């Protein structure tokens, strides 16, 4: 076989063709702090200036040695052009949407000026420059946001998730506009020279919605988008996508980008001969904190598992050393591919640990909906220690996430029971049941959000009956890391801990390291909890821990978010990896009992 350059090698891989060697790339964000220092260009400038963006993006080829490069680094181009405010963050941060100007259920129309908006022109201009720089030798990828994720950016993630439980036709106008916007951006990127288009539809993950919701609500819009893309295309959805991988393969994409949380054999068997597979090295558990030898081995296993492109399973963490990325390339190149498709590792074995307070074991079953749009709890196990029909009704109302029903049930229960009993045997029992349904894959984030809101409304009524706030077991300080505005995970854990009797000091989103340390000094909590959705913001956790240690403060610090792993939390003092959300009260109970961070880390280690 003739020697191929990186561009031809990548194109062949996207069409599952034969290659002279394994293709190694990254279809999500590729910029690292080390590259920024070498090239003399950094975030946030590289998000806002086409020249800086293309220069830093080219580092994926010139410095990392990957077979491909892409722009943009984040997922905000379309949202900015549609009127959302953008927080560009600092040197190690990706831009984030900080306002949601659209309402679900209202008529919308793509603005006439969208195609020529400065955000669109900036991204297109950066790709044109990137093509001129590396396009003869490497594959150039243009990134667009998937329709469901863009809808979440426009109207708010929580609001869109909850809408999947109601009349989903209300989402149609925003989904229609999102498809149109993504399609226009994709075409402009192709005209500028993009060899391929990567569609990132993060919100469509089974961590967020059920597989049935993906099939019923999202898939048809993704199919429309891919049908309009005339070059090789890639679909990236985060998390364990085993329950939707076959549907993703029917989206019209040429390739699927998946991460280490999806079983490799399931993915290969479900997509064999249909689409190429890209991934699945963990950006944090392997590339960021893994030893070079481990990285090489993971890359070998990915190549031998039949992945057409060996790559990170999501965006590269900015703190990732260049040497670690090169180790991935060396490992993949050293693999001997015995055939085009090679059986992967045994089922059930994952390439990395899972994240804190985010569930990655979603099953394909979707909870039944009642006629009112509320959830059915008929299949949930009923607590055996309920003492009355009134308390049972509280549990049921919380479980189905019906706030008015919960408030009525609590009022009725308070006529016969003490407020503390209603809280513990009604509200807490209900939210515990919801957590169990979530952990088992029978409930998804929309159901949990609704149940948490119902539970909190009930707690307010109980506190009003007492005439004061309930006595608390201890104080917990919570925050979302600096540069991160994703609060869903934090809010769910907050609800669980509040219902279980803990005083919560919620510092909110995008909280500076200094403010966290100041709050710990002020409130003297038994537990600190931090949340970060992205690899680009979770680096705040070791900084916070170091600052606390320097101040002479040692307390358990539970760190959570989509990219956080056991290995990451073990890498710095105070860090605890909490696992599923339902375990948060147990971690708090251990802290309240006086256990230190080392003991709690060991007890709750996966």
Protein backbone atom coordinates (compact mmCIF):
# COMPACT_ATOMS: atom_id res chain seq x y z
CA UNK A 1 0.00 0.00 0.00
CA UNK A 2 1.32 3.44 -0.86
CA UNK A 3 2.31 5.75 1.98
CA UNK A 4 -0.57 8.09 2.82
CA UNK A 5 -0.44 11.50 4.42
CA UNK A 6 -2.51 12.35 7.50
CA UNK A 7 -5.39 13.85 5.54
CA UNK A 8 -5.86 10.84 3.29
CA UNK A 9 -5.39 8.49 6.22
CA UNK A 10 -8.14 10.27 8.16
CA UNK A 11 -10.51 10.31 5.18
CA UNK A 12 -9.97 6.60 4.66
CA UNK A 13 -10.66 5.98 8.36
CA UNK A 14 -13.95 7.92 8.27
CA UNK A 15 -15.10 5.64 5.46
CA UNK A 16 -13.79 2.50 7.26
CA UNK A 17 -11.25 1.94 4.53
CA UNK A 18 -7.85 0.29 4.68
CA UNK A 19 -4.92 2.33 5.91
CA UNK A 20 -1.15 2.14 6.05
CA UNK A 21 -1.32 2.76 9.81
CA UNK A 22 -3.85 3.63 12.49
CA UNK A 23 -5.39 7.09 12.21
CA UNK A 24 -4.98 9.11 15.42
CA UNK A 25 -6.87 12.33 15.97
CA UNK A 26 -9.26 14.36 18.08
CA UNK A 27 -12.63 15.60 16.85
CA UNK A 28 -13.40 17.77 19.89
CA UNK A 29 -11.35 20.55 21.49
CA UNK A 30 -7.56 20.11 21.18
CA UNK A 31 -5.92 23.20 22.72
CA UNK A 32 -3.67 22.74 25.75
CA UNK A 33 -1.97 25.27 28.01
CA UNK A 34 1.40 23.94 26.90
CA UNK A 35 0.51 24.65 23.26
CA UNK A 36 -0.67 28.13 24.21
CA UNK A 37 2.65 28.90 25.86
CA UNK A 38 4.67 27.58 22.91
CA UNK A 39 2.58 29.34 20.24
CA UNK A 40 2.12 32.58 22.14
CA UNK A 41 -1.66 32.58 21.78
CA UNK A 42 -4.19 31.54 24.42
CA UNK A 43 -7.79 31.50 25.55
CA UNK A 44 -9.90 33.60 25.65
CA UNK A 45 -8.30 35.43 22.69
CA UNK A 46 -8.35 32.23 20.65
CA UNK A 47 -12.14 32.03 21.07
CA UNK A 48 -12.71 35.59 19.88
CA UNK A 49 -10.19 36.16 17.09
CA UNK A 50 -10.02 34.13 13.86
CA UNK A 51 -6.25 34.43 13.47
CA UNK A 52 -5.57 33.34 17.05
CA UNK A 53 -8.12 30.53 16.77
CA UNK A 54 -6.57 29.08 13.62
CA UNK A 55 -3.01 29.38 14.97
CA UNK A 56 -3.85 27.52 18.17
CA UNK A 57 -5.95 24.92 16.34
CA UNK A 58 -3.04 24.16 14.00
CA UNK A 59 -1.06 23.12 17.06
CA UNK A 60 -3.01 19.84 17.00
CA UNK A 61 -0.99 18.97 13.89
CA UNK A 62 2.27 20.92 14.32
CA UNK A 63 2.81 20.25 18.04
CA UNK A 64 0.68 17.25 18.98
CA UNK A 65 1.20 15.35 15.73
CA UNK A 66 -2.46 14.38 15.22
CA UNK A 67 -3.89 13.53 11.82
CA UNK A 68 -6.54 16.24 12.09
CA UNK A 69 -7.35 19.69 13.46
CA UNK A 70 -10.62 21.51 14.11
CA UNK A 71 -12.29 24.79 14.95
CA UNK A 72 -13.92 26.10 17.03
CA UNK A 73 -12.73 24.93 20.45
CA UNK A 74 -16.11 25.41 22.16
CA UNK A 75 -19.80 25.02 21.34
CA UNK A 76 -21.14 28.58 21.41
CA UNK A 77 -20.88 29.93 17.85
CA UNK A 78 -24.52 29.33 16.91
CA UNK A 79 -25.87 30.36 20.32
CA UNK A 80 -23.95 33.66 20.21
CA UNK A 81 -25.21 34.36 16.71
CA UNK A 82 -28.75 33.70 17.94
CA UNK A 83 -28.53 36.24 20.75
CA UNK A 84 -27.15 34.39 23.78
CA UNK A 85 -24.58 36.08 25.99
CA UNK A 86 -21.26 34.25 26.12
CA UNK A 87 -18.82 33.97 29.02
CA UNK A 88 -15.38 33.46 27.45
CA UNK A 89 -13.65 32.58 30.71
CA UNK A 90 -9.88 32.51 31.21
CA UNK A 91 -6.80 30.80 29.82
CA UNK A 92 -7.92 27.23 30.51
CA UNK A 93 -11.65 27.70 29.93
CA UNK A 94 -14.03 27.06 27.06
CA UNK A 95 -16.71 29.67 26.30
CA UNK A 96 -20.11 29.07 27.83
CA UNK A 97 -23.62 30.36 27.26
CA UNK A 98 -24.61 32.60 30.17
CA UNK A 99 -28.11 33.69 29.08
CA UNK A 100 -31.06 31.91 27.49
CA UNK A 101 -33.20 34.47 25.63
CA UNK A 102 -35.73 32.03 24.13
CA UNK A 103 -38.87 30.51 25.63
CA UNK A 104 -40.13 27.01 24.98
CA UNK A 105 -43.40 26.85 23.08
CA UNK A 106 -43.13 30.27 21.43
CA UNK A 107 -42.84 30.87 17.71
CA UNK A 108 -39.27 31.55 16.59
CA UNK A 109 -37.58 32.37 13.32
CA UNK A 110 -33.93 32.25 12.39
CA UNK A 111 -32.66 35.84 12.30
CA UNK A 112 -31.87 37.05 8.79
CA UNK A 113 -28.42 38.19 9.92
CA UNK A 114 -27.43 34.81 11.41
CA UNK A 115 -25.27 33.72 8.48
CA UNK A 116 -23.24 36.94 8.62
CA UNK A 117 -23.05 37.30 12.39
CA UNK A 118 -19.53 38.12 13.66
CA UNK A 119 -19.42 34.86 15.64
CA UNK A 120 -20.16 32.84 12.48
CA UNK A 121 -17.71 34.83 10.38
CA UNK A 122 -15.02 34.44 13.03
CA UNK A 123 -15.33 30.65 13.09
CA UNK A 124 -15.53 30.37 9.31
CA UNK A 125 -12.55 32.69 8.92
CA UNK A 126 -10.54 30.62 11.38
CA UNK A 127 -11.28 27.43 9.45
CA UNK A 128 -10.26 29.05 6.17
CA UNK A 129 -6.91 29.99 7.70
CA UNK A 130 -6.54 26.56 9.28
CA UNK A 131 -7.16 24.95 5.89
CA UNK A 132 -4.45 27.08 4.30
CA UNK A 133 -2.03 26.17 7.08
CA UNK A 134 -2.47 22.40 7.49
CA UNK A 135 -5.12 21.39 4.95
CA UNK A 136 -2.78 19.80 2.41
CA UNK A 137 -1.47 17.30 4.94
CA UNK A 138 -4.11 16.95 7.68
CA UNK A 139 -7.87 16.62 7.89
CA UNK A 140 -9.63 19.90 8.73
CA UNK A 141 -12.83 19.57 10.77
CA UNK A 142 -15.51 22.17 11.34
CA UNK A 143 -17.52 21.87 14.53
CA UNK A 144 -21.24 22.58 14.89
CA UNK A 145 -23.64 22.04 17.77
CA UNK A 146 -26.37 19.41 17.52
CA UNK A 147 -30.02 20.50 17.48
CA UNK A 148 -30.98 19.29 20.97
CA UNK A 149 -27.91 20.82 22.61
CA UNK A 150 -28.39 24.14 20.81
CA UNK A 151 -32.02 24.16 21.93
CA UNK A 152 -30.79 23.72 25.51
CA UNK A 153 -28.42 26.65 25.10
CA UNK A 154 -31.18 28.86 23.73
CA UNK A 155 -33.89 28.09 26.29
CA UNK A 156 -31.98 26.66 29.26
CA UNK A 157 -30.91 23.09 29.90
CA UNK A 158 -33.25 22.38 32.81
CA UNK A 159 -36.22 23.86 30.98
CA UNK A 160 -35.56 21.77 27.87
CA UNK A 161 -35.05 18.58 29.87
CA UNK A 162 -38.32 19.12 31.73
CA UNK A 163 -40.09 19.82 28.44
CA UNK A 164 -39.26 16.28 27.30
CA UNK A 165 -41.78 15.10 29.92
CA UNK A 166 -44.55 17.35 28.70
CA UNK A 167 -45.91 18.06 25.23
CA UNK A 168 -42.74 17.63 23.22
CA UNK A 169 -44.29 19.53 20.32
CA UNK A 170 -43.45 22.65 22.31
CA UNK A 171 -39.79 21.98 21.58
CA UNK A 172 -40.34 21.72 17.83
CA UNK A 173 -39.95 25.44 16.94
CA UNK A 174 -36.58 25.70 18.69
CA UNK A 175 -35.39 22.37 17.32
CA UNK A 176 -36.37 23.45 13.80
CA UNK A 177 -34.45 26.71 14.15
CA UNK A 178 -31.47 24.87 15.66
CA UNK A 179 -31.27 22.47 12.72
CA UNK A 180 -31.42 25.39 10.30
CA UNK A 181 -28.72 27.31 12.16
CA UNK A 182 -26.38 24.32 12.44
CA UNK A 183 -26.93 23.49 8.78
CA UNK A 184 -26.05 27.02 7.64
CA UNK A 185 -22.89 27.07 9.76
CA UNK A 186 -21.90 23.62 8.46
CA UNK A 187 -22.30 24.73 4.85
CA UNK A 188 -20.26 27.89 5.41
CA UNK A 189 -17.50 25.82 7.03
CA UNK A 190 -17.54 23.41 4.08
CA UNK A 191 -17.29 26.32 1.65
CA UNK A 192 -14.30 27.56 3.64
CA UNK A 193 -12.57 24.20 3.17
CA UNK A 194 -13.74 21.83 5.89
CA UNK A 195 -13.03 18.20 4.99
CA UNK A 196 -15.49 16.95 7.61
CA UNK A 197 -18.11 18.27 10.03
CA UNK A 198 -18.36 17.17 13.66
CA UNK A 199 -21.79 17.55 15.25
CA UNK A 200 -21.62 17.66 19.05
CA UNK A 201 -25.01 16.94 20.63
CA UNK A 202 -23.93 16.64 24.26
CA UNK A 203 -27.38 17.19 25.78
CA UNK A 204 -28.73 14.15 23.93
CA UNK A 205 -26.66 11.88 26.18
CA UNK A 206 -28.38 9.07 28.12
CA UNK A 207 -26.98 10.87 31.17
CA UNK A 208 -29.55 13.55 30.39
CA UNK A 209 -32.50 11.95 28.63
CA UNK A 210 -33.76 8.42 28.18
CA UNK A 211 -32.93 6.42 25.05
CA UNK A 212 -36.63 6.51 24.16
CA UNK A 213 -36.60 10.31 24.38
CA UNK A 214 -33.55 10.37 22.12
CA UNK A 215 -35.32 8.23 19.54
CA UNK A 216 -38.65 10.06 19.77
CA UNK A 217 -37.48 13.66 20.06
CA UNK A 218 -33.88 14.11 18.94
CA UNK A 219 -32.90 11.58 16.29
CA UNK A 220 -35.09 12.88 13.46
CA UNK A 221 -33.55 16.35 13.77
CA UNK A 222 -30.03 14.94 13.74
CA UNK A 223 -30.95 12.94 10.64
CA UNK A 224 -32.16 16.10 8.91
CA UNK A 225 -28.93 17.87 9.75
CA UNK A 226 -26.69 15.07 8.50
CA UNK A 227 -28.70 14.72 5.30
CA UNK A 228 -27.78 18.33 4.49
CA UNK A 229 -24.04 17.85 5.06
CA UNK A 230 -22.23 16.91 1.88
CA UNK A 231 -18.88 15.88 3.38
CA UNK A 232 -17.88 13.15 5.86
CA UNK A 233 -19.63 13.79 9.15
CA UNK A 234 -19.15 12.82 12.78
CA UNK A 235 -21.70 12.60 15.61
CA UNK A 236 -20.41 13.03 19.15
CA UNK A 237 -22.63 12.36 22.18
CA UNK A 238 -21.13 12.16 25.66
CA UNK A 239 -21.51 9.43 28.26
CA UNK A 240 -22.45 5.78 27.99
CA UNK A 241 -24.31 5.63 24.68
CA UNK A 242 -24.70 1.84 24.56
CA UNK A 243 -28.49 2.26 24.76
CA UNK A 244 -28.60 4.53 21.69
CA UNK A 245 -25.53 3.50 19.70
CA UNK A 246 -27.57 1.63 17.08
CA UNK A 247 -29.80 4.70 16.63
CA UNK A 248 -26.77 6.97 16.34
CA UNK A 249 -25.50 4.69 13.60
CA UNK A 250 -28.74 5.45 11.69
CA UNK A 251 -28.39 9.22 12.09
CA UNK A 252 -26.68 9.63 8.71
CA UNK A 253 -23.27 10.39 10.21
CA UNK A 254 -20.21 8.80 8.65
CA UNK A 255 -18.60 8.20 12.04
CA UNK A 256 -19.48 8.16 15.73
CA UNK A 257 -17.25 9.64 18.44
CA UNK A 258 -17.71 7.83 21.76
CA UNK A 259 -15.95 7.86 25.10
CA UNK A 260 -14.59 5.19 27.42
CA UNK A 261 -17.86 4.84 29.32
CA UNK A 262 -19.41 2.98 26.38
CA UNK A 263 -18.49 -0.69 26.15
CA UNK A 264 -16.25 -1.08 23.10
CA UNK A 265 -17.61 -4.45 22.00
CA UNK A 266 -21.22 -3.28 22.20
CA UNK A 267 -20.32 -0.22 20.13
CA UNK A 268 -18.43 -2.20 17.50
CA UNK A 269 -21.10 -4.89 17.20
CA UNK A 270 -23.90 -2.33 16.89
CA UNK A 271 -22.13 -0.28 14.22
CA UNK A 272 -20.20 -2.89 12.26
CA UNK A 273 -20.09 -1.94 8.60
CA UNK A 274 -22.40 1.05 9.12
CA UNK A 275 -20.23 3.84 10.50
CA UNK A 276 -16.64 4.42 11.59
CA UNK A 277 -15.84 4.54 15.31
CA UNK A 278 -13.73 7.27 16.92
CA UNK A 279 -12.36 7.20 20.46
CA UNK A 280 -12.45 6.14 23.23
CA UNK A 281 -9.58 7.18 25.56
CA UNK A 282 -10.71 9.00 28.69
CA UNK A 283 -9.51 12.63 28.49
CA UNK A 284 -9.03 12.77 32.26
CA UNK A 285 -8.58 9.27 33.66
CA UNK A 286 -6.12 8.33 30.91
CA UNK A 287 -4.74 11.28 28.95
CA UNK A 288 -4.61 13.91 31.68
CA UNK A 289 -3.44 11.88 34.67
CA UNK A 290 -2.40 8.54 33.24
CA UNK A 291 1.19 7.36 33.05
CA UNK A 292 2.75 7.26 29.60
CA UNK A 293 2.87 3.47 29.53
CA UNK A 294 -0.79 3.21 30.46
CA UNK A 295 -1.71 5.71 27.75
CA UNK A 296 0.19 3.72 25.15
CA UNK A 297 -1.53 0.51 26.25
CA UNK A 298 -4.99 2.08 26.14
CA UNK A 299 -4.27 3.30 22.61
CA UNK A 300 -3.13 -0.16 21.55
CA UNK A 301 -6.30 -1.69 22.96
CA UNK A 302 -8.47 0.90 21.18
CA UNK A 303 -6.80 0.14 17.85
CA UNK A 304 -7.13 -3.59 18.33
CA UNK A 305 -10.74 -3.16 19.44
CA UNK A 306 -11.58 -1.94 15.95
CA UNK A 307 -11.69 1.83 16.40
CA UNK A 308 -11.10 3.46 13.05
CA UNK A 309 -9.69 6.60 14.66
CA UNK A 310 -7.95 6.34 18.02
CA UNK A 311 -8.78 9.55 19.84
CA UNK A 312 -9.82 11.10 23.14
CA UNK A 313 -13.44 10.28 23.94
CA UNK A 314 -14.19 14.00 24.37
CA UNK A 315 -12.30 17.29 24.45
CA UNK A 316 -8.66 17.25 25.54
CA UNK A 317 -8.22 18.81 28.99
CA UNK A 318 -6.15 22.02 28.63
CA UNK A 319 -3.70 20.87 31.33
CA UNK A 320 -2.89 17.67 29.39
CA UNK A 321 0.87 17.39 28.69
CA UNK A 322 1.86 17.20 25.05
CA UNK A 323 3.92 14.13 25.93
CA UNK A 324 0.74 12.29 26.94
CA UNK A 325 -0.94 12.98 23.61
CA UNK A 326 2.18 11.81 21.81
CA UNK A 327 2.08 8.61 23.89
CA UNK A 328 -1.45 7.98 22.57
CA UNK A 329 -0.17 8.38 19.02
CA UNK A 330 2.83 6.10 19.64
CA UNK A 331 0.66 3.40 21.18
CA UNK A 332 -1.89 3.46 18.37
CA UNK A 333 0.76 3.40 15.67
CA UNK A 334 2.42 0.37 17.30
CA UNK A 335 -0.76 -1.70 17.24
CA UNK A 336 -1.04 -4.48 14.71
CA UNK A 337 -4.52 -4.50 13.30
CA UNK A 338 -5.15 -8.09 12.46
CA UNK A 339 -8.24 -7.29 10.41
CA UNK A 340 -10.58 -4.42 9.74
CA UNK A 341 -12.76 -5.45 12.68
CA UNK A 342 -11.19 -7.10 15.70
CA UNK A 343 -13.13 -8.27 18.73
CA UNK A 344 -12.77 -5.81 21.57
CA UNK A 345 -12.23 -6.31 25.24
CA UNK A 346 -14.80 -8.41 27.12
CA UNK A 347 -18.15 -6.81 27.80
CA UNK A 348 -18.41 -4.91 31.03
CA UNK A 349 -14.82 -3.68 31.12
CA UNK A 350 -14.43 0.08 30.84
CA UNK A 351 -11.32 2.06 29.97
CA UNK A 352 -11.78 4.52 32.83
CA UNK A 353 -13.63 5.25 35.99
CA UNK A 354 -16.97 7.02 35.87
CA UNK A 355 -17.70 10.55 37.11
CA UNK A 356 -19.01 11.88 40.39
CA UNK A 357 -22.71 12.60 40.83
CA UNK A 358 -23.37 11.73 37.19
CA UNK A 359 -24.89 8.38 36.23
CA UNK A 360 -23.43 6.53 33.26
CA UNK A 361 -25.38 3.26 33.47
CA UNK A 362 -28.60 4.38 31.84
CA UNK A 363 -30.77 1.64 30.42
CA UNK A 364 -33.06 1.87 27.43
CA UNK A 365 -36.26 1.73 29.37
CA UNK A 366 -38.18 4.97 29.76
CA UNK A 367 -40.56 5.49 32.72
CA UNK A 368 -44.20 5.49 31.75
CA UNK A 369 -46.00 8.82 31.56
CA UNK A 370 -49.37 9.47 33.07
CA UNK A 371 -51.98 11.38 31.10
CA UNK A 372 -51.11 14.54 33.03
CA UNK A 373 -47.51 14.29 31.88
CA UNK A 374 -46.32 13.31 35.34
CA UNK A 375 -44.26 10.21 35.92
CA UNK A 376 -45.63 6.87 36.96
CA UNK A 377 -44.04 5.23 40.01
CA UNK A 378 -45.98 2.01 39.71
CA UNK A 379 -42.82 -0.01 39.21
CA UNK A 380 -40.90 1.60 42.06
CA UNK A 381 -40.39 -0.26 45.27
CA UNK A 382 -42.57 1.18 48.04
CA UNK A 383 -40.97 1.82 51.44
CA UNK A 384 -42.11 -0.76 53.96
CA UNK A 385 -42.04 1.49 57.01
CA UNK A 386 -44.68 4.05 56.06
CA UNK A 387 -47.08 4.64 58.96
CA UNK A 388 -50.08 6.12 57.18
CA UNK A 389 -51.80 6.65 53.87
CA UNK A 390 -51.00 10.36 54.17
CA UNK A 391 -47.26 9.75 54.32
CA UNK A 392 -47.53 7.22 51.52
CA UNK A 393 -49.20 9.88 49.38
CA UNK A 394 -46.30 12.27 50.05
CA UNK A 395 -43.85 9.63 48.88
CA UNK A 396 -45.88 8.97 45.74
CA UNK A 397 -46.26 12.64 44.92
CA UNK A 398 -42.53 13.29 45.21
CA UNK A 399 -41.71 10.16 43.22
CA UNK A 400 -43.83 11.27 40.26
CA UNK A 401 -42.53 14.83 40.56
CA UNK A 402 -45.93 16.46 40.96
CA UNK A 403 -45.35 19.66 42.94
CA UNK A 404 -49.01 20.68 43.50
CA UNK A 405 -49.84 17.11 44.53
CA UNK A 406 -46.83 17.06 46.88
CA UNK A 407 -47.90 20.31 48.53
CA UNK A 408 -51.46 19.03 49.01
CA UNK A 409 -50.16 15.72 50.36
CA UNK A 410 -47.84 17.47 52.82
CA UNK A 411 -50.65 19.72 54.07
CA UNK A 412 -52.83 16.66 54.67
CA UNK A 413 -50.01 14.75 56.34
CA UNK A 414 -49.24 17.65 58.69
CA UNK A 415 -52.73 17.35 60.14
CA UNK A 416 -51.82 13.94 61.59
CA UNK A 417 -48.02 13.90 61.81
CA UNK A 418 -45.24 16.06 63.17
CA UNK A 419 -43.36 18.09 60.54
CA UNK A 420 -40.12 16.17 61.10
CA UNK A 421 -41.93 12.89 60.52
CA UNK A 422 -43.44 14.22 57.29
CA UNK A 423 -39.99 15.28 56.14
CA UNK A 424 -38.24 12.04 57.04
CA UNK A 425 -40.92 9.45 56.24
CA UNK A 426 -42.54 11.31 53.38
CA UNK A 427 -40.27 13.75 51.56
CA UNK A 428 -36.91 12.10 52.23
CA UNK A 429 -38.37 8.66 51.55
CA UNK A 430 -39.74 9.95 48.25
CA UNK A 431 -36.53 11.56 47.03
CA UNK A 432 -34.56 8.49 48.14
CA UNK A 433 -36.85 6.39 46.02
CA UNK A 434 -36.26 8.73 43.08
CA UNK A 435 -32.51 8.37 43.55
CA UNK A 436 -32.84 4.60 43.45
CA UNK A 437 -34.85 4.81 40.24
CA UNK A 438 -32.21 7.11 38.77
CA UNK A 439 -29.34 4.83 39.78
CA UNK A 440 -31.10 1.82 38.25
CA UNK A 441 -31.57 3.60 34.93
CA UNK A 442 -35.37 3.85 35.20
CA UNK A 443 -35.42 7.59 35.79
CA UNK A 444 -33.38 10.24 33.99
CA UNK A 445 -32.41 13.82 34.76
CA UNK A 446 -35.77 15.40 33.80
CA UNK A 447 -37.59 13.18 36.29
CA UNK A 448 -35.03 13.84 39.03
CA UNK A 449 -35.18 17.61 38.54
CA UNK A 450 -38.96 17.59 38.78
CA UNK A 451 -38.96 15.37 41.88
CA UNK A 452 -36.35 17.55 43.59
CA UNK A 453 -38.47 20.66 42.98
CA UNK A 454 -41.52 18.91 44.42
CA UNK A 455 -39.60 17.74 47.47
CA UNK A 456 -38.20 21.21 48.20
CA UNK A 457 -41.69 22.71 47.99
CA UNK A 458 -42.82 20.20 50.61
CA UNK A 459 -39.90 21.03 52.92
CA UNK A 460 -40.90 24.71 52.83
CA UNK A 461 -44.39 23.81 54.08
CA UNK A 462 -42.97 21.70 56.91
CA UNK A 463 -40.64 24.50 57.99
CA UNK A 464 -43.56 26.94 57.91
CA UNK A 465 -45.53 24.60 60.18
CA UNK A 466 -42.68 24.50 62.68
CA UNK A 467 -42.28 28.26 62.49
CA UNK A 468 -38.57 28.05 61.80
CA UNK A 469 -36.08 26.23 59.66
CA UNK A 470 -35.54 22.58 60.47
CA UNK A 471 -32.63 21.76 62.73
CA UNK A 472 -29.73 20.68 60.58
CA UNK A 473 -27.17 17.90 61.03
CA UNK A 474 -24.29 19.97 59.73
CA UNK A 475 -23.29 22.57 57.17
CA UNK A 476 -22.23 21.74 53.61
CA UNK A 477 -20.72 24.33 51.27
CA UNK A 478 -21.36 23.74 47.56
CA UNK A 479 -20.11 25.48 44.44
CA UNK A 480 -19.67 25.18 40.69
CA UNK A 481 -16.04 25.70 39.65
CA UNK A 482 -14.73 28.93 38.23
CA UNK A 483 -15.45 29.17 34.52
CA UNK A 484 -18.35 26.70 34.71
CA UNK A 485 -22.03 27.62 34.71
CA UNK A 486 -23.59 24.13 34.63
CA UNK A 487 -25.57 23.72 37.85
CA UNK A 488 -27.90 20.75 37.32
CA UNK A 489 -25.74 18.19 39.10
CA UNK A 490 -25.06 20.52 42.01
CA UNK A 491 -28.74 21.35 42.40
CA UNK A 492 -29.77 17.69 42.53
CA UNK A 493 -27.18 16.88 45.20
CA UNK A 494 -28.22 20.01 47.10
CA UNK A 495 -31.83 18.80 47.14
CA UNK A 496 -30.81 15.37 48.41
CA UNK A 497 -28.67 16.80 51.19
CA UNK A 498 -31.23 19.42 52.19
CA UNK A 499 -33.95 16.81 52.43
CA UNK A 500 -31.67 14.69 54.57
CA UNK A 501 -31.24 17.47 57.11
CA UNK A 502 -28.09 19.36 56.13
CA UNK A 503 -27.67 23.13 56.04
CA UNK A 504 -26.59 24.04 52.52
CA UNK A 505 -24.49 27.07 51.67
CA UNK A 506 -24.80 27.24 47.89
CA UNK A 507 -22.21 29.61 46.44
CA UNK A 508 -23.69 29.22 42.96
CA UNK A 509 -21.94 28.97 39.59
CA UNK A 510 -18.57 30.21 38.31
CA UNK A 511 -17.16 30.59 41.82
CA UNK A 512 -13.58 31.74 42.23
CA UNK A 513 -11.11 29.68 44.22
CA UNK A 514 -10.69 32.53 46.67
CA UNK A 515 -14.41 32.78 47.35
CA UNK A 516 -14.59 29.04 48.10
CA UNK A 517 -11.78 29.26 50.65
CA UNK A 518 -13.37 32.35 52.18
CA UNK A 519 -16.72 30.53 52.53
CA UNK A 520 -15.06 27.55 54.20
CA UNK A 521 -13.40 29.91 56.69
CA UNK A 522 -16.71 31.67 57.35
CA UNK A 523 -19.12 28.73 57.64
CA UNK A 524 -16.78 25.98 58.88
CA UNK A 525 -18.64 23.20 57.01
CA UNK A 526 -18.35 19.49 57.66
CA UNK A 527 -18.11 18.91 53.90
CA UNK A 528 -17.20 20.85 50.77
CA UNK A 529 -18.72 19.84 47.42
CA UNK A 530 -17.53 21.12 44.06
CA UNK A 531 -19.07 20.52 40.64
CA UNK A 532 -17.50 20.95 37.21
CA UNK A 533 -19.02 19.58 34.03
CA UNK A 534 -15.99 20.02 31.79
CA UNK A 535 -12.36 18.97 31.72
CA UNK A 536 -11.50 22.63 31.23
CA UNK A 537 -12.92 23.72 34.60
CA UNK A 538 -12.30 20.78 36.94
CA UNK A 539 -8.68 21.89 37.40
CA UNK A 540 -10.10 24.31 39.97
CA UNK A 541 -10.49 21.45 42.46
CA UNK A 542 -6.82 20.71 43.15
CA UNK A 543 -6.19 24.47 43.34
CA UNK A 544 -8.94 24.90 45.93
CA UNK A 545 -7.65 21.92 47.91
CA UNK A 546 -4.11 23.30 47.85
CA UNK A 547 -5.32 26.72 49.02
CA UNK A 548 -7.26 25.13 51.87
CA UNK A 549 -4.25 23.10 52.94
CA UNK A 550 -2.06 26.20 52.82
CA UNK A 551 -4.57 27.93 55.09
CA UNK A 552 -4.33 25.02 57.53
CA UNK A 553 -7.80 23.72 56.72
CA UNK A 554 -8.43 20.02 56.09
CA UNK A 555 -11.94 18.82 55.40
CA UNK A 556 -13.55 16.26 53.07
CA UNK A 557 -13.90 17.73 49.56
CA UNK A 558 -16.28 15.78 47.31
CA UNK A 559 -15.66 16.66 43.67
CA UNK A 560 -18.17 15.95 40.94
CA UNK A 561 -19.04 16.44 37.31
CA UNK A 562 -19.04 14.73 33.96
CA UNK A 563 -15.26 14.43 33.57
CA UNK A 564 -14.27 13.82 37.20
CA UNK A 565 -12.90 10.37 38.00
CA UNK A 566 -11.67 8.44 41.01
CA UNK A 567 -8.14 8.75 39.67
CA UNK A 568 -8.46 12.52 39.41
CA UNK A 569 -9.73 12.85 42.98
CA UNK A 570 -6.93 10.62 44.26
CA UNK A 571 -4.37 12.94 42.68
CA UNK A 572 -4.70 15.65 45.34
CA UNK A 573 -5.20 15.83 49.09
CA UNK A 574 -8.77 16.28 50.42
CA UNK A 575 -10.30 14.98 47.17
CA UNK A 576 -13.16 12.45 47.35
CA UNK A 577 -14.91 10.85 44.39
CA UNK A 578 -18.53 10.40 45.38
CA UNK A 579 -20.01 8.28 42.58
CA UNK A 580 -23.77 8.36 42.19
CA UNK A 581 -25.88 11.22 43.50
CA UNK A 582 -27.73 8.93 45.91
CA UNK A 583 -24.51 8.42 47.84
CA UNK A 584 -24.13 12.13 48.66
CA UNK A 585 -26.13 11.84 51.94
CA UNK A 586 -23.95 8.91 53.02
CA UNK A 587 -20.79 10.92 52.37
CA UNK A 588 -22.24 13.83 54.34
CA UNK A 589 -23.22 11.47 57.17
CA UNK A 590 -19.66 10.15 57.35
CA UNK A 591 -18.32 13.70 57.47
CA UNK A 592 -20.85 14.66 60.16
CA UNK A 593 -19.70 11.67 62.22
CA UNK A 594 -16.17 13.03 62.19
CA UNK A 595 -14.53 10.87 59.51
CA UNK A 596 -11.56 12.48 57.80
CA UNK A 597 -11.08 12.85 54.08
CA UNK A 598 -8.71 9.90 53.82
CA UNK A 599 -11.18 7.57 55.53
CA UNK A 600 -14.10 8.81 53.42
CA UNK A 601 -12.06 8.56 50.23
CA UNK A 602 -11.21 4.95 51.04
CA UNK A 603 -14.76 4.05 52.07
CA UNK A 604 -16.37 5.42 48.93
CA UNK A 605 -13.67 4.47 46.43
CA UNK A 606 -14.96 2.56 43.39
